Amino acid sequence: MRKYVDWEIKATLDKQHGLIGVKLPTLQVRNNGCGKPARLQDNIDTGYAVWTWRETLIGDPNKLAELVEVAKSRPATLINNLRERRLRYG
């Protein structure tokens, strides 16, 4: 994973903006499941971040707008942004 992905997620959470993660076809599956960025997974686990698949968005043109509203409605108290920021690739 590129360090910039973690930086972007951290900045989004710092601003308490809604967070939507989209599984792209290129996302590699690892031994412990889907290879989502750890900070994103932390916030999916707390119920703050919304997780969807690219195919879901392609299949329903209105779905993204719906997910944006869902993400914006999540309470900031659910944010987990305690991880150290990634400084390297890998």
PDB file of N, CA and C in Angstrom:
ATOM      1  N   MET A   1       0.836  -1.176   0.000  1.00  0.00           N
ATOM      2  CA  MET A   1       0.000   0.000   0.000  1.00  0.00           C
ATOM      3  C   MET A   1       0.880   1.238   0.000  1.00  0.00           C
ATOM      4  N   ARG A   2       0.475   2.210  -0.727  1.00  0.00           N
ATOM      5  CA  ARG A   2       1.221   3.459  -0.781  1.00  0.00           C
ATOM      6  C   ARG A   2       0.976   4.286   0.475  1.00  0.00           C
ATOM      7  N   LYS A   3       2.041   4.909   0.963  1.00  0.00           N
ATOM      8  CA  LYS A   3       1.920   5.700   2.187  1.00  0.00           C
ATOM      9  C   LYS A   3       0.923   6.834   2.011  1.00  0.00           C
ATOM     10  N   TYR A   4       0.763   7.322   0.786  1.00  0.00           N
ATOM     11  CA  TYR A   4      -0.145   8.447   0.554  1.00  0.00           C
ATOM     12  C   TYR A   4      -1.600   8.073   0.788  1.00  0.00           C
ATOM     13  N   VAL A   5      -1.946   6.830   0.596  1.00  0.00           N
ATOM     14  CA  VAL A   5      -3.305   6.386   0.893  1.00  0.00           C
ATOM     15  C   VAL A   5      -3.574   6.557   2.382  1.00  0.00           C
ATOM     16  N   ASP A   6      -2.637   6.135   3.222  1.00  0.00           N
ATOM     17  CA  ASP A   6      -2.800   6.290   4.665  1.00  0.00           C
ATOM     18  C   ASP A   6      -2.868   7.773   5.035  1.00  0.00           C
ATOM     19  N   TRP A   7      -2.038   8.587   4.413  1.00  0.00           N
ATOM     20  CA  TRP A   7      -2.047  10.021   4.704  1.00  0.00           C
ATOM     21  C   TRP A   7      -3.400  10.630   4.353  1.00  0.00           C
ATOM     22  N   GLU A   8      -3.956  10.247   3.225  1.00  0.00           N
ATOM     23  CA  GLU A   8      -5.255  10.787   2.802  1.00  0.00           C
ATOM     24  C   GLU A   8      -6.373  10.351   3.756  1.00  0.00           C
ATOM     25  N   ILE A   9      -6.336   9.105   4.176  1.00  0.00           N
ATOM     26  CA  ILE A   9      -7.343   8.623   5.131  1.00  0.00           C
ATOM     27  C   ILE A   9      -7.204   9.373   6.448  1.00  0.00           C
ATOM     28  N   LYS A  10      -5.971   9.527   6.921  1.00  0.00           N
ATOM     29  CA  LYS A  10      -5.736  10.245   8.182  1.00  0.00           C
ATOM     30  C   LYS A  10      -6.236  11.683   8.093  1.00  0.00           C
ATOM     31  N   ALA A  11      -5.930  12.366   7.004  1.00  0.00           N
ATOM     32  CA  ALA A  11      -6.358  13.757   6.839  1.00  0.00           C
ATOM     33  C   ALA A  11      -7.881  13.858   6.799  1.00  0.00           C
ATOM     34  N   THR A  12      -8.525  12.926   6.142  1.00  0.00           N
ATOM     35  CA  THR A  12      -9.986  12.901   6.093  1.00  0.00           C
ATOM     36  C   THR A  12     -10.564  12.754   7.490  1.00  0.00           C
ATOM     37  N   LEU A  13      -9.996  11.851   8.268  1.00  0.00           N
ATOM     38  CA  LEU A  13     -10.476  11.633   9.633  1.00  0.00           C
ATOM     39  C   LEU A  13     -10.159  12.822  10.535  1.00  0.00           C
ATOM     40  N   ASP A  14      -8.994  13.435  10.352  1.00  0.00           N
ATOM     41  CA  ASP A  14      -8.639  14.621  11.140  1.00  0.00           C
ATOM     42  C   ASP A  14      -9.669  15.736  10.946  1.00  0.00           C
ATOM     43  N   LYS A  15     -10.203  15.833   9.739  1.00  0.00           N
ATOM     44  CA  LYS A  15     -11.201  16.863   9.422  1.00  0.00           C
ATOM     45  C   LYS A  15     -12.622  16.411   9.743  1.00  0.00           C
ATOM     46  N   GLN A  16     -12.747  15.175  10.221  1.00  0.00           N
ATOM     47  CA  GLN A  16     -14.039  14.573  10.557  1.00  0.00           C
ATOM     48  C   GLN A  16     -14.985  14.546   9.352  1.00  0.00           C
ATOM     49  N   HIS A  17     -14.419  14.330   8.171  1.00  0.00           N
ATOM     50  CA  HIS A  17     -15.223  14.163   6.979  1.00  0.00           C
ATOM     51  C   HIS A  17     -15.664  12.707   6.886  1.00  0.00           C
ATOM     52  N   GLY A  18     -16.728  12.458   6.141  1.00  0.00           N
ATOM     53  CA  GLY A  18     -17.163  11.084   5.921  1.00  0.00           C
ATOM     54  C   GLY A  18     -16.096  10.314   5.164  1.00  0.00           C
ATOM     55  N   LEU A  19     -16.055   9.002   5.378  1.00  0.00           N
ATOM     56  CA  LEU A  19     -15.033   8.167   4.757  1.00  0.00           C
ATOM     57  C   LEU A  19     -15.692   6.973   4.082  1.00  0.00           C
ATOM     58  N   ILE A  20     -15.449   6.841   2.782  1.00  0.00           N
ATOM     59  CA  ILE A  20     -15.965   5.720   2.006  1.00  0.00           C
ATOM     60  C   ILE A  20     -14.779   4.992   1.389  1.00  0.00           C
ATOM     61  N   GLY A  21     -14.675   3.707   1.643  1.00  0.00           N
ATOM     62  CA  GLY A  21     -13.660   2.869   1.018  1.00  0.00           C
ATOM     63  C   GLY A  21     -14.306   2.063  -0.095  1.00  0.00           C
ATOM     64  N   VAL A  22     -13.621   1.980  -1.230  1.00  0.00           N
ATOM     65  CA  VAL A  22     -14.141   1.244  -2.379  1.00  0.00           C
ATOM     66  C   VAL A  22     -13.147   0.153  -2.751  1.00  0.00           C
ATOM     67  N   LYS A  23     -13.625  -1.091  -2.762  1.00  0.00           N
ATOM     68  CA  LYS A  23     -12.769  -2.203  -3.175  1.00  0.00           C
ATOM     69  C   LYS A  23     -12.633  -2.195  -4.690  1.00  0.00           C
ATOM     70  N   LEU A  24     -11.407  -1.980  -5.136  1.00  0.00           N
ATOM     71  CA  LEU A  24     -11.109  -2.004  -6.558  1.00  0.00           C
ATOM     72  C   LEU A  24     -10.662  -3.406  -6.964  1.00  0.00           C
ATOM     73  N   PRO A  25     -10.800  -3.748  -8.236  1.00  0.00           N
ATOM     74  CA  PRO A  25     -10.390  -5.089  -8.686  1.00  0.00           C
ATOM     75  C   PRO A  25      -8.915  -5.386  -8.436  1.00  0.00           C
ATOM     76  N   THR A  26      -8.098  -4.348  -8.314  1.00  0.00           N
ATOM     77  CA  THR A  26      -6.658  -4.546  -8.120  1.00  0.00           C
ATOM     78  C   THR A  26      -6.269  -4.780  -6.664  1.00  0.00           C
ATOM     79  N   LEU A  27      -7.223  -4.652  -5.736  1.00  0.00           N
ATOM     80  CA  LEU A  27      -6.913  -4.850  -4.322  1.00  0.00           C
ATOM     81  C   LEU A  27      -6.570  -6.311  -4.069  1.00  0.00           C
ATOM     82  N   GLN A  28      -5.397  -6.541  -3.530  1.00  0.00           N
ATOM     83  CA  GLN A  28      -4.931  -7.901  -3.305  1.00  0.00           C
ATOM     84  C   GLN A  28      -5.489  -8.461  -2.004  1.00  0.00           C
ATOM     85  N   VAL A  29      -5.908  -9.704  -2.069  1.00  0.00           N
ATOM     86  CA  VAL A  29      -6.393 -10.389  -0.872  1.00  0.00           C
ATOM     87  C   VAL A  29      -5.188 -10.992  -0.165  1.00  0.00           C
ATOM     88  N   ARG A  30      -5.139 -10.812   1.150  1.00  0.00           N
ATOM     89  CA  ARG A  30      -4.030 -11.337   1.949  1.00  0.00           C
ATOM     90  C   ARG A  30      -4.533 -12.474   2.816  1.00  0.00           C
ATOM     91  N   ASN A  31      -3.638 -13.075   3.571  1.00  0.00           N
ATOM     92  CA  ASN A  31      -3.995 -14.210   4.433  1.00  0.00           C
ATOM     93  C   ASN A  31      -5.113 -13.880   5.406  1.00  0.00           C
ATOM     94  N   ASN A  32      -5.122 -12.651   5.916  1.00  0.00           N
ATOM     95  CA  ASN A  32      -6.127 -12.261   6.906  1.00  0.00           C
ATOM     96  C   ASN A  32      -7.341 -11.587   6.266  1.00  0.00           C
ATOM     97  N   GLY A  33      -7.539 -11.799   4.990  1.00  0.00           N
ATOM     98  CA  GLY A  33      -8.704 -11.235   4.316  1.00  0.00           C
ATOM     99  C   GLY A  33      -8.302 -10.177   3.316  1.00  0.00           C
ATOM    100  N   CYS A  34      -9.196  -9.276   3.048  1.00  0.00           N
ATOM    101  CA  CYS A  34      -8.996  -8.222   2.067  1.00  0.00           C
ATOM    102  C   CYS A  34      -7.876  -7.291   2.524  1.00  0.00           C
ATOM    103  N   GLY A  35      -7.067  -6.840   1.606  1.00  0.00           N
ATOM    104  CA  GLY A  35      -5.908  -6.007   1.937  1.00  0.00           C
ATOM    105  C   GLY A  35      -6.234  -4.536   2.097  1.00  0.00           C
ATOM    106  N   LYS A  36      -7.261  -4.211   2.838  1.00  0.00           N
ATOM    107  CA  LYS A  36      -7.622  -2.808   3.073  1.00  0.00           C
ATOM    108  C   LYS A  36      -6.538  -2.133   3.920  1.00  0.00           C
ATOM    109  N   PRO A  37      -6.367  -0.820   3.729  1.00  0.00           N
ATOM    110  CA  PRO A  37      -5.463  -0.093   4.625  1.00  0.00           C
ATOM    111  C   PRO A  37      -5.926  -0.237   6.073  1.00  0.00           C
ATOM    112  N   ALA A  38      -4.985  -0.384   6.982  1.00  0.00           N
ATOM    113  CA  ALA A  38      -5.309  -0.643   8.392  1.00  0.00           C
ATOM    114  C   ALA A  38      -6.161   0.466   9.006  1.00  0.00           C
ATOM    115  N   ARG A  39      -5.857   1.723   8.692  1.00  0.00           N
ATOM    116  CA  ARG A  39      -6.617   2.835   9.256  1.00  0.00           C
ATOM    117  C   ARG A  39      -8.056   2.811   8.744  1.00  0.00           C
ATOM    118  N   LEU A  40      -8.233   2.456   7.493  1.00  0.00           N
ATOM    119  CA  LEU A  40      -9.591   2.301   6.954  1.00  0.00           C
ATOM    120  C   LEU A  40     -10.308   1.165   7.670  1.00  0.00           C
ATOM    121  N   GLN A  41      -9.637   0.035   7.837  1.00  0.00           N
ATOM    122  CA  GLN A  41     -10.261  -1.110   8.513  1.00  0.00           C
ATOM    123  C   GLN A  41     -10.648  -0.757   9.949  1.00  0.00           C
ATOM    124  N   ASP A  42      -9.790  -0.004  10.636  1.00  0.00           N
ATOM    125  CA  ASP A  42     -10.112   0.428  12.002  1.00  0.00           C
ATOM    126  C   ASP A  42     -11.460   1.144  12.024  1.00  0.00           C
ATOM    127  N   ASN A  43     -11.700   1.981  11.032  1.00  0.00           N
ATOM    128  CA  ASN A  43     -12.907   2.798  11.019  1.00  0.00           C
ATOM    129  C   ASN A  43     -14.113   2.084  10.428  1.00  0.00           C
ATOM    130  N   ILE A  44     -13.878   1.068   9.633  1.00  0.00           N
ATOM    131  CA  ILE A  44     -14.973   0.177   9.246  1.00  0.00           C
ATOM    132  C   ILE A  44     -15.427  -0.589  10.482  1.00  0.00           C
ATOM    133  N   ASP A  45     -14.459  -1.058  11.258  1.00  0.00           N
ATOM    134  CA  ASP A  45     -14.762  -1.828  12.473  1.00  0.00           C
ATOM    135  C   ASP A  45     -15.544  -1.012  13.501  1.00  0.00           C
ATOM    136  N   THR A  46     -15.274   0.288  13.612  1.00  0.00           N
ATOM    137  CA  THR A  46     -15.998   1.116  14.584  1.00  0.00           C
ATOM    138  C   THR A  46     -17.375   1.522  14.074  1.00  0.00           C
ATOM    139  N   GLY A  47     -17.607   1.340  12.776  1.00  0.00           N
ATOM    140  CA  GLY A  47     -18.880   1.753  12.195  1.00  0.00           C
ATOM    141  C   GLY A  47     -18.837   3.151  11.605  1.00  0.00           C
ATOM    142  N   TYR A  48     -17.651   3.773  11.567  1.00  0.00           N
ATOM    143  CA  TYR A  48     -17.552   5.123  11.012  1.00  0.00           C
ATOM    144  C   TYR A  48     -17.444   5.104   9.489  1.00  0.00           C
ATOM    145  N   ALA A  49     -16.536   4.319   8.957  1.00  0.00           N
ATOM    146  CA  ALA A  49     -16.309   4.300   7.511  1.00  0.00           C
ATOM    147  C   ALA A  49     -17.302   3.376   6.817  1.00  0.00           C
ATOM    148  N   VAL A  50     -17.629   3.740   5.598  1.00  0.00           N
ATOM    149  CA  VAL A  50     -18.501   2.939   4.743  1.00  0.00           C
ATOM    150  C   VAL A  50     -17.615   2.155   3.788  1.00  0.00           C
ATOM    151  N   TRP A  51     -17.923   0.890   3.588  1.00  0.00           N
ATOM    152  CA  TRP A  51     -17.146   0.030   2.685  1.00  0.00           C
ATOM    153  C   TRP A  51     -18.066  -0.488   1.595  1.00  0.00           C
ATOM    154  N   THR A  52     -17.628  -0.377   0.364  1.00  0.00           N
ATOM    155  CA  THR A  52     -18.417  -0.885  -0.753  1.00  0.00           C
ATOM    156  C   THR A  52     -17.485  -1.439  -1.824  1.00  0.00           C
ATOM    157  N   TRP A  53     -18.066  -2.060  -2.800  1.00  0.00           N
ATOM    158  CA  TRP A  53     -17.319  -2.635  -3.915  1.00  0.00           C
ATOM    159  C   TRP A  53     -17.564  -1.804  -5.167  1.00  0.00           C
ATOM    160  N   ARG A  54     -16.565  -1.724  -5.991  1.00  0.00           N
ATOM    161  CA  ARG A  54     -16.657  -0.983  -7.259  1.00  0.00           C
ATOM    162  C   ARG A  54     -17.851  -1.465  -8.070  1.00  0.00           C
ATOM    163  N   GLU A  55     -18.062  -2.760  -8.097  1.00  0.00           N
ATOM    164  CA  GLU A  55     -19.160  -3.326  -8.889  1.00  0.00           C
ATOM    165  C   GLU A  55     -20.525  -2.816  -8.407  1.00  0.00           C
ATOM    166  N   THR A  56     -20.641  -2.582  -7.114  1.00  0.00           N
ATOM    167  CA  THR A  56     -21.889  -2.049  -6.556  1.00  0.00           C
ATOM    168  C   THR A  56     -22.142  -0.650  -7.093  1.00  0.00           C
ATOM    169  N   LEU A  57     -21.107   0.155  -7.166  1.00  0.00           N
ATOM    170  CA  LEU A  57     -21.259   1.522  -7.669  1.00  0.00           C
ATOM    171  C   LEU A  57     -21.555   1.540  -9.157  1.00  0.00           C
ATOM    172  N   ILE A  58     -20.925   0.655  -9.890  1.00  0.00           N
ATOM    173  CA  ILE A  58     -21.166   0.587 -11.331  1.00  0.00           C
ATOM    174  C   ILE A  58     -22.592   0.116 -11.607  1.00  0.00           C
ATOM    175  N   GLY A  59     -23.076  -0.818 -10.800  1.00  0.00           N
ATOM    176  CA  GLY A  59     -24.400  -1.389 -11.003  1.00  0.00           C
ATOM    177  C   GLY A  59     -25.552  -0.470 -10.658  1.00  0.00           C
ATOM    178  N   ASP A  60     -25.307   0.572  -9.873  1.00  0.00           N
ATOM    179  CA  ASP A  60     -26.375   1.468  -9.441  1.00  0.00           C
ATOM    180  C   ASP A  60     -25.843   2.897  -9.428  1.00  0.00           C
ATOM    181  N   PRO A  61     -26.186   3.692 -10.425  1.00  0.00           N
ATOM    182  CA  PRO A  61     -25.660   5.051 -10.530  1.00  0.00           C
ATOM    183  C   PRO A  61     -26.005   5.950  -9.333  1.00  0.00           C
ATOM    184  N   ASN A  62     -27.048   5.633  -8.595  1.00  0.00           N
ATOM    185  CA  ASN A  62     -27.452   6.454  -7.449  1.00  0.00           C
ATOM    186  C   ASN A  62     -26.776   6.028  -6.144  1.00  0.00           C
ATOM    187  N   LYS A  63     -26.079   4.903  -6.182  1.00  0.00           N
ATOM    188  CA  LYS A  63     -25.521   4.328  -4.960  1.00  0.00           C
ATOM    189  C   LYS A  63     -24.463   5.229  -4.310  1.00  0.00           C
ATOM    190  N   LEU A  64     -23.613   5.851  -5.115  1.00  0.00           N
ATOM    191  CA  LEU A  64     -22.558   6.686  -4.540  1.00  0.00           C
ATOM    192  C   LEU A  64     -23.157   7.853  -3.754  1.00  0.00           C
ATOM    193  N   ALA A  65     -24.147   8.519  -4.318  1.00  0.00           N
ATOM    194  CA  ALA A  65     -24.791   9.626  -3.604  1.00  0.00           C
ATOM    195  C   ALA A  65     -25.403   9.134  -2.294  1.00  0.00           C
ATOM    196  N   GLU A  66     -25.993   7.959  -2.320  1.00  0.00           N
ATOM    197  CA  GLU A  66     -26.568   7.364  -1.107  1.00  0.00           C
ATOM    198  C   GLU A  66     -25.488   7.105  -0.061  1.00  0.00           C
ATOM    199  N   LEU A  67     -24.364   6.549  -0.496  1.00  0.00           N
ATOM    200  CA  LEU A  67     -23.275   6.247   0.435  1.00  0.00           C
ATOM    201  C   LEU A  67     -22.633   7.513   0.997  1.00  0.00           C
ATOM    202  N   VAL A  68     -22.569   8.560   0.201  1.00  0.00           N
ATOM    203  CA  VAL A  68     -22.044   9.831   0.700  1.00  0.00           C
ATOM    204  C   VAL A  68     -22.920  10.337   1.838  1.00  0.00           C
ATOM    205  N   GLU A  69     -24.213  10.262   1.675  1.00  0.00           N
ATOM    206  CA  GLU A  69     -25.128  10.703   2.735  1.00  0.00           C
ATOM    207  C   GLU A  69     -24.979   9.828   3.982  1.00  0.00           C
ATOM    208  N   VAL A  70     -24.821   8.537   3.789  1.00  0.00           N
ATOM    209  CA  VAL A  70     -24.619   7.633   4.928  1.00  0.00           C
ATOM    210  C   VAL A  70     -23.328   8.000   5.649  1.00  0.00           C
ATOM    211  N   ALA A  71     -22.246   8.191   4.891  1.00  0.00           N
ATOM    212  CA  ALA A  71     -20.948   8.516   5.486  1.00  0.00           C
ATOM    213  C   ALA A  71     -21.003   9.845   6.244  1.00  0.00           C
ATOM    214  N   LYS A  72     -21.698  10.823   5.687  1.00  0.00           N
ATOM    215  CA  LYS A  72     -21.801  12.133   6.344  1.00  0.00           C
ATOM    216  C   LYS A  72     -22.621  12.073   7.628  1.00  0.00           C
ATOM    217  N   SER A  73     -23.487  11.074   7.733  1.00  0.00           N
ATOM    218  CA  SER A  73     -24.368  10.987   8.910  1.00  0.00           C
ATOM    219  C   SER A  73     -23.736  10.255  10.087  1.00  0.00           C
ATOM    220  N   ARG A  74     -22.588   9.624   9.873  1.00  0.00           N
ATOM    221  CA  ARG A  74     -21.950   8.859  10.945  1.00  0.00           C
ATOM    222  C   ARG A  74     -21.365   9.790  11.995  1.00  0.00           C
ATOM    223  N   PRO A  75     -21.563   9.493  13.274  1.00  0.00           N
ATOM    224  CA  PRO A  75     -21.046  10.383  14.326  1.00  0.00           C
ATOM    225  C   PRO A  75     -19.517  10.339  14.421  1.00  0.00           C
ATOM    226  N   ALA A  76     -18.923  11.515  14.568  1.00  0.00           N
ATOM    227  CA  ALA A  76     -17.459  11.626  14.657  1.00  0.00           C
ATOM    228  C   ALA A  76     -16.897  10.902  15.870  1.00  0.00           C
ATOM    229  N   THR A  77     -17.728  10.614  16.855  1.00  0.00           N
ATOM    230  CA  THR A  77     -17.248   9.900  18.042  1.00  0.00           C
ATOM    231  C   THR A  77     -16.786   8.482  17.701  1.00  0.00           C
ATOM    232  N   LEU A  78     -17.162   7.980  16.519  1.00  0.00           N
ATOM    233  CA  LEU A  78     -16.746   6.641  16.094  1.00  0.00           C
ATOM    234  C   LEU A  78     -15.364   6.620  15.439  1.00  0.00           C
ATOM    235  N   ILE A  79     -14.792   7.787  15.181  1.00  0.00           N
ATOM    236  CA  ILE A  79     -13.503   7.854  14.482  1.00  0.00           C
ATOM    237  C   ILE A  79     -12.400   7.235  15.327  1.00  0.00           C
ATOM    238  N   ASN A  80     -11.610   6.371  14.679  1.00  0.00           N
ATOM    239  CA  ASN A  80     -10.416   5.790  15.283  1.00  0.00           C
ATOM    240  C   ASN A  80      -9.239   6.210  14.402  1.00  0.00           C
ATOM    241  N   ASN A  81      -8.491   7.198  14.850  1.00  0.00           N
ATOM    242  CA  ASN A  81      -7.379   7.722  14.066  1.00  0.00           C
ATOM    243  C   ASN A  81      -6.102   7.714  14.900  1.00  0.00           C
ATOM    244  N   LEU A  82      -5.931   6.659  15.692  1.00  0.00           N
ATOM    245  CA  LEU A  82      -4.829   6.591  16.641  1.00  0.00           C
ATOM    246  C   LEU A  82      -3.539   6.016  16.070  1.00  0.00           C
ATOM    247  N   ARG A  83      -3.609   5.351  14.936  1.00  0.00           N
ATOM    248  CA  ARG A  83      -2.393   4.752  14.362  1.00  0.00           C
ATOM    249  C   ARG A  83      -1.385   5.827  13.987  1.00  0.00           C
ATOM    250  N   GLU A  84      -0.119   5.459  14.089  1.00  0.00           N
ATOM    251  CA  GLU A  84       0.941   6.334  13.596  1.00  0.00           C
ATOM    252  C   GLU A  84       0.815   6.425  12.079  1.00  0.00           C
ATOM    253  N   ARG A  85       1.109   7.589  11.542  1.00  0.00           N
ATOM    254  CA  ARG A  85       1.045   7.771  10.088  1.00  0.00           C
ATOM    255  C   ARG A  85       2.145   6.970   9.417  1.00  0.00           C
ATOM    256  N   ARG A  86       1.801   6.323   8.325  1.00  0.00           N
ATOM    257  CA  ARG A  86       2.797   5.551   7.572  1.00  0.00           C
ATOM    258  C   ARG A  86       3.838   6.493   6.980  1.00  0.00           C
ATOM    259  N   LEU A  87       5.083   6.110   7.085  1.00  0.00           N
ATOM    260  CA  LEU A  87       6.160   6.937   6.564  1.00  0.00           C
ATOM    261  C   LEU A  87       6.857   6.296   5.382  1.00  0.00           C
ATOM    262  N   ARG A  88       6.539   5.012   5.144  1.00  0.00           N
ATOM    263  CA  ARG A  88       7.208   4.285   4.055  1.00  0.00           C
ATOM    264  C   ARG A  88       6.163   3.549   3.241  1.00  0.00           C
ATOM    265  N   TYR A  89       6.576   3.150   2.050  1.00  0.00           N
ATOM    266  CA  TYR A  89       5.753   2.265   1.227  1.00  0.00           C
ATOM    267  C   TYR A  89       5.840   0.867   1.793  1.00  0.00           C
ATOM    268  N   GLY A  90       4.841   0.054   1.447  1.00  0.00           N
ATOM    269  CA  GLY A  90       4.943  -1.344   1.826  1.00  0.00           C
ATOM    270  C   GLY A  90       3.791  -1.832   2.622  1.00  0.00           C
TER     271      GLY A  90
END
